[in-house]
Amino acid sequence: MTSKIINMAERRKDAEDRTLEALFRSEPIVDDGFTVKVVSRVRRRIWVRRLSLPIAIVVGALIGLKPLVQVATLLPDLLRLVPADLFKLDTLPVGDLPQVSTLLIGAAIVMAITMVGRMLEE
């Protein structure tokens, strides 16, 4: 069983519906291939935009590959120059660091300033 309300709504048409149906039933305008040319240009530009970024990434990677390999070969020698006791946790100057409460108050002040700035923009 189908609903009568849906069938009636589909059958009921006003003047605007009839005008639109008449316009869509009319013959297409002859444009001597203008529409086809425009659509082909738009599609070509879309493909150029889609491919330009990946191609640029590949070209950039190829250009930067040689210096990256040189840095990778020098990295072990550079790490040997750094003193080993620099990374020990017991030699870190923990006493000079601010307390956690000071950091929390500073973060709250920064967030408040950010919120006030956004409110003033509006």
N, C-alpha and C. Protein backbone atom coordinates (compact mmCIF):
# COMPACT_ATOMS: atom_id res chain seq x y z
N MET A 1 0.84 -1.17 0.00
CA MET A 1 0.00 0.00 0.00
C MET A 1 0.89 1.24 0.00
N THR A 2 0.63 2.16 -0.89
CA THR A 2 1.41 3.38 -0.98
C THR A 2 0.65 4.53 -0.33
N SER A 3 1.37 5.49 0.13
CA SER A 3 0.76 6.62 0.81
C SER A 3 0.13 7.56 -0.20
N LYS A 4 -1.07 8.03 0.07
CA LYS A 4 -1.76 8.96 -0.82
C LYS A 4 -1.16 10.35 -0.73
N ILE A 5 -0.59 10.69 0.40
CA ILE A 5 -0.03 12.02 0.58
C ILE A 5 1.17 12.21 -0.34
N ILE A 6 2.04 11.22 -0.42
CA ILE A 6 3.21 11.31 -1.28
C ILE A 6 2.78 11.38 -2.74
N ASN A 7 1.85 10.55 -3.13
CA ASN A 7 1.40 10.56 -4.51
C ASN A 7 0.74 11.88 -4.87
N MET A 8 -0.03 12.44 -3.97
CA MET A 8 -0.68 13.70 -4.25
C MET A 8 0.33 14.83 -4.34
N ALA A 9 1.38 14.80 -3.49
CA ALA A 9 2.39 15.86 -3.53
C ALA A 9 3.19 15.79 -4.82
N GLU A 10 3.42 14.60 -5.32
CA GLU A 10 4.16 14.47 -6.58
C GLU A 10 3.32 14.91 -7.76
N ARG A 11 2.02 14.78 -7.70
CA ARG A 11 1.15 15.14 -8.82
C ARG A 11 0.77 16.61 -8.82
N ARG A 12 0.80 17.24 -7.66
CA ARG A 12 0.38 18.63 -7.57
C ARG A 12 1.49 19.53 -8.10
N LYS A 13 1.17 20.42 -9.04
CA LYS A 13 2.15 21.31 -9.64
C LYS A 13 1.55 22.70 -9.72
N ASP A 14 2.38 23.68 -9.40
CA ASP A 14 1.92 25.05 -9.54
C ASP A 14 2.51 25.65 -10.81
N ALA A 15 2.34 26.93 -11.00
CA ALA A 15 2.78 27.59 -12.24
C ALA A 15 4.31 27.55 -12.37
N GLU A 16 5.01 27.69 -11.27
CA GLU A 16 6.48 27.67 -11.32
C GLU A 16 6.99 26.30 -11.73
N ASP A 17 6.37 25.24 -11.23
CA ASP A 17 6.77 23.88 -11.61
C ASP A 17 6.55 23.66 -13.10
N ARG A 18 5.41 24.12 -13.61
CA ARG A 18 5.15 23.94 -15.04
C ARG A 18 6.13 24.74 -15.89
N THR A 19 6.47 25.95 -15.45
CA THR A 19 7.44 26.77 -16.19
C THR A 19 8.81 26.10 -16.21
N LEU A 20 9.23 25.58 -15.07
CA LEU A 20 10.53 24.89 -15.02
C LEU A 20 10.54 23.65 -15.91
N GLU A 21 9.46 22.87 -15.88
CA GLU A 21 9.40 21.69 -16.74
C GLU A 21 9.46 22.08 -18.21
N ALA A 22 8.81 23.17 -18.58
CA ALA A 22 8.85 23.63 -19.97
C ALA A 22 10.25 24.06 -20.36
N LEU A 23 10.97 24.70 -19.45
CA LEU A 23 12.33 25.12 -19.75
C LEU A 23 13.27 23.93 -19.91
N PHE A 24 13.09 22.93 -19.06
CA PHE A 24 13.96 21.76 -19.15
C PHE A 24 13.62 20.88 -20.35
N ARG A 25 12.40 20.95 -20.85
CA ARG A 25 12.01 20.18 -22.02
C ARG A 25 12.46 20.84 -23.32
N SER A 26 12.84 22.11 -23.28
CA SER A 26 13.22 22.82 -24.50
C SER A 26 14.53 22.28 -25.06
N GLU A 27 14.79 22.59 -26.31
CA GLU A 27 16.01 22.13 -27.00
C GLU A 27 17.23 22.85 -26.42
N PRO A 28 18.35 22.18 -26.38
CA PRO A 28 19.56 22.85 -25.89
C PRO A 28 20.02 23.94 -26.85
N ILE A 29 20.65 24.94 -26.30
CA ILE A 29 21.13 26.06 -27.10
C ILE A 29 22.37 25.62 -27.86
N VAL A 30 22.43 25.96 -29.15
CA VAL A 30 23.57 25.61 -29.99
C VAL A 30 24.70 26.59 -29.67
N ASP A 31 25.84 26.05 -29.26
CA ASP A 31 26.95 26.93 -28.89
C ASP A 31 28.23 26.60 -29.65
N ASP A 32 28.13 25.82 -30.69
CA ASP A 32 29.27 25.48 -31.56
C ASP A 32 30.45 24.91 -30.78
N GLY A 33 30.19 24.08 -29.79
CA GLY A 33 31.25 23.40 -29.06
C GLY A 33 31.87 24.22 -27.94
N PHE A 34 31.30 25.39 -27.63
CA PHE A 34 31.85 26.24 -26.57
C PHE A 34 31.82 25.53 -25.22
N THR A 35 30.71 24.88 -24.92
CA THR A 35 30.57 24.19 -23.63
C THR A 35 31.60 23.08 -23.49
N VAL A 36 31.82 22.34 -24.56
CA VAL A 36 32.79 21.24 -24.52
C VAL A 36 34.20 21.79 -24.28
N LYS A 37 34.53 22.92 -24.91
CA LYS A 37 35.86 23.53 -24.70
C LYS A 37 36.03 23.99 -23.27
N VAL A 38 34.99 24.63 -22.73
CA VAL A 38 35.09 25.12 -21.35
C VAL A 38 35.25 23.95 -20.38
N VAL A 39 34.46 22.92 -20.56
CA VAL A 39 34.53 21.77 -19.67
C VAL A 39 35.90 21.10 -19.77
N SER A 40 36.45 20.99 -20.98
CA SER A 40 37.77 20.37 -21.12
C SER A 40 38.85 21.21 -20.46
N ARG A 41 38.75 22.54 -20.56
CA ARG A 41 39.75 23.40 -19.90
C ARG A 41 39.66 23.29 -18.37
N VAL A 42 38.44 23.26 -17.88
CA VAL A 42 38.25 23.15 -16.43
C VAL A 42 38.81 21.82 -15.93
N ARG A 43 38.52 20.74 -16.65
CA ARG A 43 39.04 19.43 -16.24
C ARG A 43 40.56 19.39 -16.31
N ARG A 44 41.14 20.01 -17.33
CA ARG A 44 42.59 20.05 -17.45
C ARG A 44 43.20 20.81 -16.28
N ARG A 45 42.60 21.95 -15.90
CA ARG A 45 43.12 22.71 -14.77
C ARG A 45 42.99 21.94 -13.47
N ILE A 46 41.92 21.19 -13.33
CA ILE A 46 41.75 20.37 -12.13
C ILE A 46 42.87 19.34 -12.04
N TRP A 47 43.19 18.70 -13.16
CA TRP A 47 44.26 17.69 -13.15
C TRP A 47 45.61 18.33 -12.91
N VAL A 48 45.84 19.53 -13.44
CA VAL A 48 47.10 20.22 -13.19
C VAL A 48 47.24 20.54 -11.71
N ARG A 49 46.15 20.99 -11.09
CA ARG A 49 46.21 21.29 -9.66
C ARG A 49 46.40 20.03 -8.83
N ARG A 50 45.79 18.95 -9.24
CA ARG A 50 45.94 17.70 -8.49
C ARG A 50 47.35 17.15 -8.58
N LEU A 51 47.99 17.31 -9.72
CA LEU A 51 49.31 16.70 -9.92
C LEU A 51 50.47 17.63 -9.56
N SER A 52 50.24 18.93 -9.46
CA SER A 52 51.36 19.85 -9.25
C SER A 52 52.02 19.65 -7.88
N LEU A 53 51.26 19.47 -6.83
CA LEU A 53 51.85 19.29 -5.51
C LEU A 53 52.65 17.99 -5.39
N PRO A 54 52.12 16.83 -5.81
CA PRO A 54 52.95 15.62 -5.72
C PRO A 54 54.22 15.69 -6.57
N ILE A 55 54.12 16.30 -7.75
CA ILE A 55 55.31 16.42 -8.60
C ILE A 55 56.32 17.34 -7.93
N ALA A 56 55.87 18.44 -7.33
CA ALA A 56 56.79 19.35 -6.64
C ALA A 56 57.45 18.66 -5.45
N ILE A 57 56.71 17.82 -4.75
CA ILE A 57 57.29 17.09 -3.61
C ILE A 57 58.38 16.13 -4.09
N VAL A 58 58.11 15.42 -5.19
CA VAL A 58 59.10 14.48 -5.72
C VAL A 58 60.35 15.22 -6.20
N VAL A 59 60.17 16.33 -6.91
CA VAL A 59 61.32 17.10 -7.40
C VAL A 59 62.12 17.65 -6.23
N GLY A 60 61.43 18.18 -5.22
CA GLY A 60 62.13 18.69 -4.04
C GLY A 60 62.89 17.60 -3.30
N ALA A 61 62.28 16.41 -3.21
CA ALA A 61 62.96 15.30 -2.54
C ALA A 61 64.20 14.88 -3.32
N LEU A 62 64.10 14.87 -4.64
CA LEU A 62 65.27 14.50 -5.45
C LEU A 62 66.38 15.53 -5.32
N ILE A 63 66.02 16.81 -5.25
CA ILE A 63 67.04 17.85 -5.10
C ILE A 63 67.69 17.77 -3.72
N GLY A 64 66.90 17.52 -2.68
CA GLY A 64 67.44 17.50 -1.33
C GLY A 64 68.03 16.17 -0.90
N LEU A 65 67.99 15.17 -1.76
CA LEU A 65 68.48 13.85 -1.38
C LEU A 65 69.99 13.82 -1.16
N LYS A 66 70.75 14.46 -2.03
CA LYS A 66 72.20 14.44 -1.90
C LYS A 66 72.67 15.14 -0.61
N PRO A 67 72.19 16.35 -0.29
CA PRO A 67 72.62 16.95 0.98
C PRO A 67 72.16 16.15 2.20
N LEU A 68 71.00 15.52 2.11
CA LEU A 68 70.50 14.72 3.22
C LEU A 68 71.41 13.51 3.47
N VAL A 69 71.88 12.89 2.42
CA VAL A 69 72.80 11.75 2.56
C VAL A 69 74.13 12.22 3.15
N GLN A 70 74.59 13.41 2.74
CA GLN A 70 75.84 13.93 3.29
C GLN A 70 75.72 14.21 4.78
N VAL A 71 74.60 14.78 5.21
CA VAL A 71 74.39 15.05 6.63
C VAL A 71 74.29 13.73 7.40
N ALA A 72 73.63 12.74 6.81
CA ALA A 72 73.49 11.45 7.49
C ALA A 72 74.85 10.78 7.67
N THR A 73 75.76 10.95 6.74
CA THR A 73 77.08 10.34 6.90
C THR A 73 77.93 11.09 7.93
N LEU A 74 77.69 12.40 8.10
CA LEU A 74 78.46 13.18 9.07
C LEU A 74 77.88 13.11 10.48
N LEU A 75 76.65 12.69 10.63
CA LEU A 75 75.98 12.69 11.93
C LEU A 75 76.70 11.86 13.00
N PRO A 76 77.18 10.65 12.71
CA PRO A 76 77.90 9.91 13.77
C PRO A 76 79.16 10.63 14.24
N ASP A 77 79.87 11.29 13.32
CA ASP A 77 81.07 12.02 13.73
C ASP A 77 80.71 13.22 14.61
N LEU A 78 79.60 13.89 14.29
CA LEU A 78 79.17 15.02 15.10
C LEU A 78 78.72 14.59 16.49
N LEU A 79 78.07 13.43 16.58
CA LEU A 79 77.64 12.94 17.89
C LEU A 79 78.81 12.54 18.77
N ARG A 80 79.90 12.14 18.18
CA ARG A 80 81.08 11.78 18.98
C ARG A 80 81.72 13.01 19.60
N LEU A 81 81.53 14.19 19.01
CA LEU A 81 82.12 15.41 19.54
C LEU A 81 81.38 15.93 20.78
N VAL A 82 80.13 15.54 20.95
CA VAL A 82 79.34 15.99 22.10
C VAL A 82 79.77 15.19 23.33
N PRO A 83 80.04 15.88 24.43
CA PRO A 83 80.45 15.14 25.64
C PRO A 83 79.35 14.21 26.14
N ALA A 84 79.73 13.05 26.63
CA ALA A 84 78.76 12.04 27.06
C ALA A 84 78.07 12.43 28.36
N ASP A 85 78.76 13.19 29.23
CA ASP A 85 78.14 13.54 30.51
C ASP A 85 77.13 14.67 30.38
N LEU A 86 76.95 15.21 29.18
CA LEU A 86 75.98 16.29 28.96
C LEU A 86 74.54 15.79 29.09
N PHE A 87 74.31 14.53 28.78
CA PHE A 87 72.97 13.99 28.77
C PHE A 87 72.60 13.25 30.06
N LYS A 88 73.43 13.30 31.08
CA LYS A 88 73.11 12.63 32.34
C LYS A 88 72.09 13.47 33.12
N LEU A 89 71.10 12.80 33.69
CA LEU A 89 70.01 13.49 34.38
C LEU A 89 70.44 14.07 35.72
N ASP A 90 71.45 13.49 36.35
CA ASP A 90 71.85 13.98 37.66
C ASP A 90 72.65 15.28 37.59
N THR A 91 73.13 15.66 36.41
CA THR A 91 73.90 16.90 36.28
C THR A 91 73.03 18.05 35.76
N LEU A 92 71.76 17.83 35.51
CA LEU A 92 70.88 18.90 35.04
C LEU A 92 70.62 19.92 36.14
N PRO A 93 70.57 21.22 35.83
CA PRO A 93 70.34 22.24 36.86
C PRO A 93 68.85 22.36 37.19
N VAL A 94 68.32 21.41 37.95
CA VAL A 94 66.91 21.39 38.28
C VAL A 94 66.57 22.49 39.28
N GLY A 95 67.48 22.90 40.11
CA GLY A 95 67.22 23.93 41.11
C GLY A 95 66.93 25.29 40.49
N ASP A 96 67.41 25.53 39.31
CA ASP A 96 67.20 26.83 38.65
C ASP A 96 65.85 26.90 37.92
N LEU A 97 65.15 25.78 37.77
CA LEU A 97 63.87 25.78 37.07
C LEU A 97 62.77 26.36 37.94
N PRO A 98 61.78 27.03 37.35
CA PRO A 98 60.68 27.56 38.17
C PRO A 98 59.79 26.44 38.67
N GLN A 99 59.01 26.74 39.72
CA GLN A 99 58.13 25.74 40.30
C GLN A 99 56.93 25.51 39.39
N VAL A 100 56.25 24.39 39.60
CA VAL A 100 55.11 24.03 38.77
C VAL A 100 53.97 25.03 38.94
N SER A 101 53.79 25.53 40.15
CA SER A 101 52.71 26.49 40.39
C SER A 101 52.94 27.77 39.60
N THR A 102 54.18 28.20 39.49
CA THR A 102 54.49 29.39 38.70
C THR A 102 54.20 29.16 37.23
N LEU A 103 54.52 27.98 36.74
CA LEU A 103 54.23 27.66 35.34
C LEU A 103 52.73 27.62 35.08
N LEU A 104 51.95 27.05 36.01
CA LEU A 104 50.49 27.00 35.84
C LEU A 104 49.88 28.39 35.85
N ILE A 105 50.33 29.26 36.73
CA ILE A 105 49.81 30.63 36.76
C ILE A 105 50.16 31.36 35.47
N GLY A 106 51.37 31.18 34.98
CA GLY A 106 51.76 31.80 33.71
C GLY A 106 50.93 31.29 32.55
N ALA A 107 50.65 29.99 32.51
CA ALA A 107 49.83 29.43 31.44
C ALA A 107 48.41 29.96 31.51
N ALA A 108 47.87 30.11 32.73
CA ALA A 108 46.52 30.66 32.89
C ALA A 108 46.46 32.10 32.43
N ILE A 109 47.48 32.88 32.71
CA ILE A 109 47.52 34.28 32.27
C ILE A 109 47.58 34.36 30.75
N VAL A 110 48.38 33.52 30.14
CA VAL A 110 48.48 33.51 28.68
C VAL A 110 47.14 33.13 28.05
N MET A 111 46.46 32.13 28.60
CA MET A 111 45.16 31.73 28.06
C MET A 111 44.13 32.84 28.24
N ALA A 112 44.16 33.54 29.37
CA ALA A 112 43.22 34.64 29.60
C ALA A 112 43.47 35.78 28.62
N ILE A 113 44.72 36.10 28.37
CA ILE A 113 45.04 37.16 27.41
C ILE A 113 44.58 36.76 26.01
N THR A 114 44.76 35.50 25.66
CA THR A 114 44.31 35.02 24.35
C THR A 114 42.80 35.13 24.21
N MET A 115 42.07 34.74 25.25
CA MET A 115 40.60 34.81 25.20
C MET A 115 40.12 36.26 25.13
N VAL A 116 40.73 37.15 25.88
CA VAL A 116 40.35 38.56 25.84
C VAL A 116 40.64 39.14 24.46
N GLY A 117 41.74 38.76 23.87
CA GLY A 117 42.07 39.23 22.53
C GLY A 117 41.06 38.77 21.50
N ARG A 118 40.60 37.54 21.61
CA ARG A 118 39.59 37.04 20.67
C ARG A 118 38.25 37.74 20.87
N MET A 119 37.91 38.03 22.13
CA MET A 119 36.66 38.73 22.39
C MET A 119 36.71 40.16 21.84
N LEU A 120 37.85 40.80 21.95
CA LEU A 120 37.98 42.16 21.44
C LEU A 120 37.96 42.22 19.91
N GLU A 121 38.39 41.15 19.27
CA GLU A 121 38.32 41.10 17.79
C GLU A 121 36.90 41.12 17.30
N GLU A 122 36.02 40.45 18.03
CA GLU A 122 34.62 40.39 17.61
C GLU A 122 33.94 41.68 17.96
